[in-house]
Amino acid sequence: MKAALIRSFGDPEVLTLEEVPIPEIPPGHVLVKVLAAGINRLDHYIRAGGVVPLAFPHVLGSDASGVVAQVGAGVTSVRAGDRVIPMPGYPLDAAEGHVRPLAMAPSYAIAGILSWGSYAQYMVVHERWLVRDDTGLSPELVATLPMTLITAVHAVKVVGEVRDGVRVLIHAGAGGTGSMNLQVARALGARVATTVDDAKKAEMVRELGAEVVIDVRNESFADRVREWTDGKGVDVVIDNLGGEVFPRSLDALRPGGTLVAMGFVSGEEVAFHVRKFFFAQQNIRGTLMGDVQDLRWGLDQIKRGLIVPRLDRALSLAQAAEAHRLLSNDVVRGSLVLLPWAN
């Protein structure tokens, strides 16, 4: 089979198209023909060497849309020809599948880190971590979804406990993570304020249902949010930025409100006034990825038209390096996918 391999950490050029053996299928596992592979910013960080050590050669990719090509011994939940979506992260030890949240399982791993991922024509996944794809969408659109969708549903719906009428601040609403957070919040009936840093992004988030759009180049998001809420602050902040944004997110949060921490684009270290924090009795909750039911709930919202995937472009597997260049240069509006069977 063809796969986009890396044999060392480095710039996008370390991604090269090579012929490798089709993986063997252990009992309980499924050989999935990858119809489209989604590209996440995490893939960029892994390729550059900023996440974890890897055993080379390695195949990146956590997101995929595919079809069952062959099943291993003992598999009963799927059969050849079924359209499926692999979970983007799961316990490598299937016996830990009962752990909740799933990402707390000792052997939990994101696909494409400890095991070969989706930048290939085939991948092997345990049957427990396959979700049937009945969305009716093209493989390209489905491949944009798994990691961002499952993470957003878990962060907004489960950890943030967002519901109808709740006021939410979502950072970077035009980005891949932020736009999905925004759509999940709107699907739950929340009123959403979001931050952007240019006019085109402002237009996009309004189309996604943002009630208040804050251009952080020109105004304080904390001040604008307090104005919107008559001085009270929002019920929930979904913060995928961290760094210096984090304490200002607490300033935008009402007493007793919840800040969901789910990223560190603006920095891994934060500092805030703890006295002010505990006097306001605010809550800080961390979240990582999500469970099978989170993905299924998100896919149901997609079928209802409440969440819409955003595809910038699809490229061939041979163009994996170019896709990573586009991602690292921040010139995409939506998601990138690779088509392993395209010429």
Protein backbone atom coordinates (compact mmCIF):
# COMPACT_ATOMS: atom_id res chain seq x y z
CA MET A 1 0.00 0.00 0.00
CA LYS A 2 1.00 3.63 -0.33
CA ALA A 3 1.62 5.72 2.78
CA ALA A 4 2.98 9.17 3.57
CA LEU A 5 5.85 8.34 5.92
CA ILE A 6 8.18 10.32 8.11
CA ARG A 7 11.61 8.85 8.87
CA SER A 8 12.71 11.75 11.07
CA PHE A 9 11.31 14.88 12.67
CA GLY A 10 11.55 18.10 10.68
CA ASP A 11 9.92 20.43 8.19
CA PRO A 12 7.01 19.30 5.96
CA GLU A 13 9.50 17.89 3.46
CA VAL A 14 10.15 14.89 5.75
CA LEU A 15 6.76 13.56 4.59
CA THR A 16 7.40 11.24 1.64
CA LEU A 17 5.17 8.85 -0.31
CA GLU A 18 6.39 5.25 -0.08
CA GLU A 19 5.22 1.69 -0.64
CA VAL A 20 4.85 -0.29 2.59
CA PRO A 21 3.24 -3.66 3.42
CA ILE A 22 -0.47 -3.76 4.19
CA PRO A 23 -0.70 -4.27 7.97
CA GLU A 24 -1.69 -7.64 9.39
CA ILE A 25 -5.08 -7.95 11.12
CA PRO A 26 -4.99 -9.23 14.72
CA PRO A 27 -8.07 -10.93 16.19
CA GLY A 28 -10.81 -8.45 17.02
CA HIS A 29 -9.39 -5.88 14.61
CA VAL A 30 -10.52 -4.52 11.25
CA LEU A 31 -8.60 -3.53 8.13
CA VAL A 32 -10.05 -0.20 7.04
CA LYS A 33 -9.57 1.14 3.53
CA VAL A 34 -8.94 4.84 4.09
CA LEU A 35 -11.04 6.90 1.66
CA ALA A 36 -9.94 10.23 3.13
CA ALA A 37 -7.57 11.25 5.93
CA GLY A 38 -8.08 14.45 7.87
CA ILE A 39 -5.15 16.68 8.81
CA ASN A 40 -5.01 18.28 12.26
CA ARG A 41 -2.62 20.87 13.67
CA LEU A 42 -1.51 18.18 16.11
CA ASP A 43 -0.05 16.29 13.13
CA HIS A 44 2.11 19.34 12.39
CA TYR A 45 3.42 19.44 15.96
CA ILE A 46 4.14 15.71 15.97
CA ARG A 47 5.99 15.88 12.64
CA ALA A 48 8.10 18.79 13.89
CA GLY A 49 9.11 16.81 16.98
CA GLY A 50 7.24 18.85 19.57
CA VAL A 51 5.00 16.18 21.11
CA VAL A 52 6.43 12.73 21.84
CA PRO A 53 9.28 10.47 20.68
CA LEU A 54 8.34 8.22 17.77
CA ALA A 55 9.59 4.94 16.36
CA PHE A 56 10.55 5.59 12.73
CA PRO A 57 9.38 5.12 10.06
CA HIS A 58 5.99 6.42 11.13
CA VAL A 59 2.58 7.20 9.60
CA LEU A 60 0.76 10.22 11.01
CA GLY A 61 -2.98 10.90 11.11
CA SER A 62 -5.77 10.53 13.66
CA ASP A 63 -8.79 11.30 11.45
CA ALA A 64 -10.19 9.08 8.73
CA SER A 65 -13.25 8.16 6.76
CA GLY A 66 -13.19 4.67 5.37
CA VAL A 67 -14.79 1.41 4.43
CA VAL A 68 -14.23 -2.02 5.97
CA ALA A 69 -11.91 -3.98 3.69
CA GLN A 70 -11.44 -7.11 5.80
CA VAL A 71 -12.23 -8.26 9.34
CA GLY A 72 -10.07 -10.23 11.74
CA ALA A 73 -11.04 -13.32 13.70
CA GLY A 74 -13.89 -12.80 16.12
CA VAL A 75 -15.16 -9.52 14.66
CA THR A 76 -18.97 -9.35 14.71
CA SER A 77 -19.93 -5.64 14.75
CA VAL A 78 -18.96 -4.75 11.17
CA ARG A 79 -18.46 -6.51 7.87
CA ALA A 80 -16.71 -5.84 4.59
CA GLY A 81 -18.22 -2.88 2.73
CA ASP A 82 -19.47 -0.99 5.80
CA ARG A 83 -18.68 2.73 5.87
CA VAL A 84 -16.94 3.53 9.15
CA ILE A 85 -15.25 6.31 11.10
CA PRO A 86 -12.37 5.29 13.39
CA MET A 87 -12.24 6.96 16.78
CA PRO A 88 -9.36 9.47 16.72
CA GLY A 89 -8.15 8.25 20.11
CA TYR A 90 -8.77 5.14 22.18
CA PRO A 91 -7.13 2.75 24.70
CA LEU A 92 -4.66 0.44 23.00
CA ASP A 93 -5.78 -2.17 25.54
CA ALA A 94 -9.40 -2.89 24.56
CA ALA A 95 -10.07 -4.16 28.10
CA GLU A 96 -9.88 -0.53 29.27
CA GLY A 97 -12.82 0.50 27.10
CA HIS A 98 -15.06 0.89 30.16
CA VAL A 99 -13.00 3.77 31.61
CA ARG A 100 -14.78 7.16 31.62
CA PRO A 101 -13.77 9.60 30.47
CA LEU A 102 -12.09 7.40 27.89
CA ALA A 103 -8.94 9.53 27.75
CA MET A 104 -8.23 8.60 31.41
CA ALA A 105 -7.54 4.98 30.43
CA PRO A 106 -3.87 4.11 31.12
CA SER A 107 -3.24 2.91 27.55
CA TYR A 108 -5.17 5.74 25.86
CA ALA A 109 -3.44 7.10 22.78
CA ILE A 110 -4.31 9.39 19.92
CA ALA A 111 -4.15 7.57 16.59
CA GLY A 112 -1.05 8.38 14.61
CA ILE A 113 1.18 8.70 17.68
CA LEU A 114 1.83 5.32 19.30
CA SER A 115 0.38 3.44 16.33
CA TRP A 116 0.40 4.09 12.59
CA GLY A 117 -2.33 6.48 11.57
CA SER A 118 -4.49 7.43 8.61
CA TYR A 119 -2.00 8.92 6.10
CA ALA A 120 -2.12 5.60 4.23
CA GLN A 121 -4.36 3.53 2.00
CA TYR A 122 -5.15 1.12 4.85
CA MET A 123 -5.14 1.22 8.65
CA VAL A 124 -5.97 -1.36 11.32
CA VAL A 125 -8.41 -0.51 14.14
CA HIS A 126 -10.02 -2.63 16.87
CA GLU A 127 -13.72 -3.13 16.06
CA ARG A 128 -14.69 -1.44 19.35
CA TRP A 129 -13.32 1.87 18.08
CA LEU A 130 -15.21 2.02 14.81
CA VAL A 131 -18.40 4.08 14.47
CA ARG A 132 -20.73 3.44 11.55
CA ASP A 133 -20.86 6.31 9.09
CA ASP A 134 -24.51 6.95 8.16
CA THR A 135 -24.12 10.69 7.62
CA GLY A 136 -24.55 10.49 3.85
CA LEU A 137 -21.64 12.92 3.46
CA SER A 138 -18.69 12.46 1.13
CA PRO A 139 -15.57 10.81 2.61
CA GLU A 140 -13.73 14.13 2.29
CA LEU A 141 -16.23 15.96 4.49
CA VAL A 142 -16.44 13.14 7.03
CA ALA A 143 -12.65 13.05 7.39
CA THR A 144 -12.66 16.68 8.59
CA LEU A 145 -14.73 15.75 11.62
CA PRO A 146 -13.53 13.12 14.11
CA MET A 147 -10.99 14.88 16.34
CA THR A 148 -12.49 18.38 16.27
CA LEU A 149 -16.06 17.11 16.61
CA ILE A 150 -15.51 14.65 19.45
CA THR A 151 -13.32 17.13 21.34
CA ALA A 152 -15.83 19.96 20.95
CA VAL A 153 -18.81 17.86 22.01
CA HIS A 154 -17.01 16.63 25.12
CA ALA A 155 -15.68 20.10 26.02
CA VAL A 156 -18.88 22.07 25.42
CA LYS A 157 -21.69 19.60 26.16
CA VAL A 158 -20.19 17.26 28.75
CA VAL A 159 -17.51 19.23 30.62
CA GLY A 160 -18.92 22.72 30.13
CA GLU A 161 -22.51 21.50 30.62
CA VAL A 162 -23.72 24.04 28.07
CA ARG A 163 -27.46 23.94 27.42
CA ASP A 164 -30.30 26.01 26.00
CA GLY A 165 -30.07 29.70 26.91
CA VAL A 166 -26.61 29.57 28.50
CA ARG A 167 -24.25 32.40 27.51
CA VAL A 168 -20.88 31.14 26.31
CA LEU A 169 -17.62 32.79 25.27
CA ILE A 170 -15.73 30.76 22.67
CA HIS A 171 -12.26 31.83 21.67
CA ALA A 172 -10.98 31.91 18.08
CA GLY A 173 -14.37 31.03 16.63
CA ALA A 174 -13.11 31.00 13.04
CA GLY A 175 -10.44 28.37 13.67
CA GLY A 176 -10.91 24.64 13.25
CA THR A 177 -11.40 23.99 16.96
CA GLY A 178 -13.22 27.25 17.71
CA SER A 179 -15.68 26.94 14.85
CA MET A 180 -16.65 23.44 15.94
CA ASN A 181 -17.02 24.60 19.56
CA LEU A 182 -19.27 27.39 18.30
CA GLN A 183 -21.45 25.05 16.25
CA VAL A 184 -21.82 22.56 19.11
CA ALA A 185 -22.83 25.37 21.49
CA ARG A 186 -25.41 26.66 19.00
CA ALA A 187 -26.75 23.13 18.46
CA LEU A 188 -27.35 23.00 22.22
CA GLY A 189 -29.28 26.29 22.10
CA ALA A 190 -26.61 28.47 23.73
CA ARG A 191 -26.07 32.17 23.06
CA VAL A 192 -22.50 32.61 21.86
CA ALA A 193 -19.91 35.37 21.90
CA THR A 194 -16.66 34.66 20.09
CA THR A 195 -13.34 36.30 19.32
CA VAL A 196 -11.73 36.89 15.92
CA ASP A 197 -8.82 38.88 14.55
CA ASP A 198 -9.96 39.97 11.08
CA ALA A 199 -13.08 41.01 9.17
CA LYS A 200 -13.38 37.85 7.04
CA LYS A 201 -13.35 35.68 10.14
CA ALA A 202 -16.00 37.93 11.70
CA GLU A 203 -18.29 37.32 8.74
CA MET A 204 -17.75 33.58 8.95
CA VAL A 205 -18.57 33.26 12.67
CA ARG A 206 -21.74 35.32 12.23
CA GLU A 207 -22.82 32.80 9.59
CA LEU A 208 -22.19 30.04 12.14
CA GLY A 209 -24.54 31.71 14.62
CA ALA A 210 -22.37 33.89 16.86
CA GLU A 211 -24.49 36.57 18.53
CA VAL A 212 -21.55 38.74 19.60
CA VAL A 213 -18.34 38.96 17.55
CA ILE A 214 -15.33 40.56 19.23
CA ASP A 215 -12.36 41.74 17.16
CA VAL A 216 -9.51 41.37 19.64
CA ARG A 217 -7.37 43.80 17.64
CA ASN A 218 -9.66 46.66 18.63
CA GLU A 219 -11.34 45.80 21.93
CA SER A 220 -11.09 43.83 25.17
CA PHE A 221 -13.11 40.63 24.98
CA ALA A 222 -13.64 40.68 28.76
CA ASP A 223 -15.08 44.22 28.64
CA ARG A 224 -17.30 43.41 25.67
CA VAL A 225 -18.62 40.24 27.31
CA ARG A 226 -19.45 42.07 30.52
CA GLU A 227 -21.28 44.70 28.50
CA TRP A 228 -23.25 41.93 26.74
CA THR A 229 -24.18 40.29 30.06
CA ASP A 230 -25.06 43.51 31.96
CA GLY A 231 -21.87 43.26 33.98
CA LYS A 232 -22.36 39.67 35.14
CA GLY A 233 -20.02 37.70 32.87
CA VAL A 234 -20.76 34.60 30.81
CA ASP A 235 -21.80 31.26 32.26
CA VAL A 236 -19.10 29.30 30.45
CA VAL A 237 -15.81 30.08 28.68
CA ILE A 238 -14.34 27.53 26.27
CA ASP A 239 -10.63 28.39 26.23
CA ASN A 240 -8.47 26.66 23.64
CA LEU A 241 -5.77 29.35 23.86
CA GLY A 242 -4.34 29.35 27.38
CA GLY A 243 -1.32 31.57 28.01
CA GLU A 244 -2.03 35.24 28.65
CA VAL A 245 -5.61 34.81 27.44
CA PHE A 246 -6.49 32.51 30.34
CA PRO A 247 -6.66 35.09 33.19
CA ARG A 248 -8.69 37.43 30.98
CA SER A 249 -11.06 34.54 30.31
CA LEU A 250 -11.63 34.34 34.07
CA ASP A 251 -12.34 38.10 34.04
CA ALA A 252 -15.09 37.45 31.48
CA LEU A 253 -16.64 34.65 33.58
CA ARG A 254 -19.50 35.20 36.05
CA PRO A 255 -19.20 34.17 39.72
CA GLY A 256 -19.77 30.42 39.90
CA GLY A 257 -19.18 30.05 36.17
CA THR A 258 -17.03 27.43 34.46
CA LEU A 259 -13.90 27.83 32.36
CA VAL A 260 -13.13 24.78 30.21
CA ALA A 261 -9.41 24.56 29.42
CA MET A 262 -8.76 22.62 26.21
CA GLY A 263 -5.64 24.06 24.57
CA PHE A 264 -2.52 26.16 24.83
CA VAL A 265 -2.06 27.89 21.47
CA SER A 266 -1.14 31.11 23.30
CA GLY A 267 1.13 29.39 25.82
CA GLU A 268 1.39 26.46 28.22
CA GLU A 269 1.89 28.54 31.38
CA VAL A 270 -0.77 30.76 32.92
CA ALA A 271 -0.91 33.13 35.90
CA PHE A 272 -4.02 34.52 37.58
CA HIS A 273 -5.12 36.08 40.88
CA VAL A 274 -6.15 33.11 42.98
CA ARG A 275 -7.87 35.27 45.63
CA LYS A 276 -10.16 36.80 43.02
CA PHE A 277 -10.78 33.34 41.57
CA PHE A 278 -11.88 31.61 44.77
CA PHE A 279 -13.86 34.58 46.04
CA ALA A 280 -15.88 34.35 42.80
CA GLN A 281 -16.18 30.57 43.34
CA GLN A 282 -15.39 29.92 39.70
CA ASN A 283 -14.60 26.50 38.25
CA ILE A 284 -11.74 25.45 35.99
CA ARG A 285 -12.11 22.11 34.23
CA GLY A 286 -9.71 20.40 31.89
CA THR A 287 -10.77 18.22 28.99
CA LEU A 288 -9.09 15.96 26.45
CA MET A 289 -10.77 14.34 23.44
CA GLY A 290 -14.01 12.45 24.13
CA ASP A 291 -15.91 9.17 24.16
CA VAL A 292 -17.74 7.13 21.53
CA GLN A 293 -21.09 8.60 22.58
CA ASP A 294 -19.73 12.12 22.05
CA LEU A 295 -18.85 11.29 18.44
CA ARG A 296 -22.25 9.67 17.86
CA TRP A 297 -24.08 12.69 19.31
CA GLY A 298 -22.07 15.01 17.08
CA LEU A 299 -22.80 12.93 13.99
CA ASP A 300 -26.52 13.08 14.83
CA GLN A 301 -26.33 16.89 14.85
CA ILE A 302 -24.63 16.79 11.47
CA LYS A 303 -27.44 14.64 10.05
CA ARG A 304 -29.92 17.22 11.42
CA GLY A 305 -27.99 20.02 9.70
CA LEU A 306 -27.08 21.75 12.98
CA ILE A 307 -23.34 21.24 12.50
CA VAL A 308 -21.69 21.66 9.11
CA PRO A 309 -18.15 20.42 8.30
CA ARG A 310 -15.83 22.95 6.68
CA LEU A 311 -13.48 21.64 3.99
CA ASP A 312 -10.86 23.95 2.53
CA ARG A 313 -9.41 21.49 0.01
CA ALA A 314 -8.52 17.86 -0.62
CA LEU A 315 -5.07 16.82 -1.81
CA SER A 316 -3.52 13.52 -2.86
CA LEU A 317 -1.43 11.47 -0.44
CA ALA A 318 1.63 12.48 -2.47
CA GLN A 319 0.88 16.09 -1.51
CA ALA A 320 1.06 15.50 2.25
CA ALA A 321 4.08 17.78 2.58
CA GLU A 322 2.27 20.55 0.72
CA ALA A 323 -0.75 20.11 2.98
CA HIS A 324 1.45 20.54 6.05
CA ARG A 325 3.02 23.66 4.53
CA LEU A 326 -0.43 25.14 4.01
CA LEU A 327 -1.38 24.32 7.57
CA SER A 328 1.79 25.74 9.11
CA ASN A 329 1.46 28.95 7.06
CA ASP A 330 -2.12 29.42 8.37
CA VAL A 331 -3.58 30.03 4.91
CA VAL A 332 -6.49 27.59 5.09
CA ARG A 333 -10.13 28.39 5.87
CA GLY A 334 -11.53 25.09 6.96
CA SER A 335 -9.95 21.65 7.08
CA LEU A 336 -7.48 19.87 4.82
CA VAL A 337 -7.80 16.21 3.87
CA LEU A 338 -5.66 13.72 1.99
CA LEU A 339 -7.07 11.28 -0.57
CA PRO A 340 -4.97 8.08 -0.40
CA TRP A 341 -6.38 6.65 -3.63
CA ALA A 342 -6.11 9.80 -5.77
CA ASN A 343 -3.40 10.00 -8.42
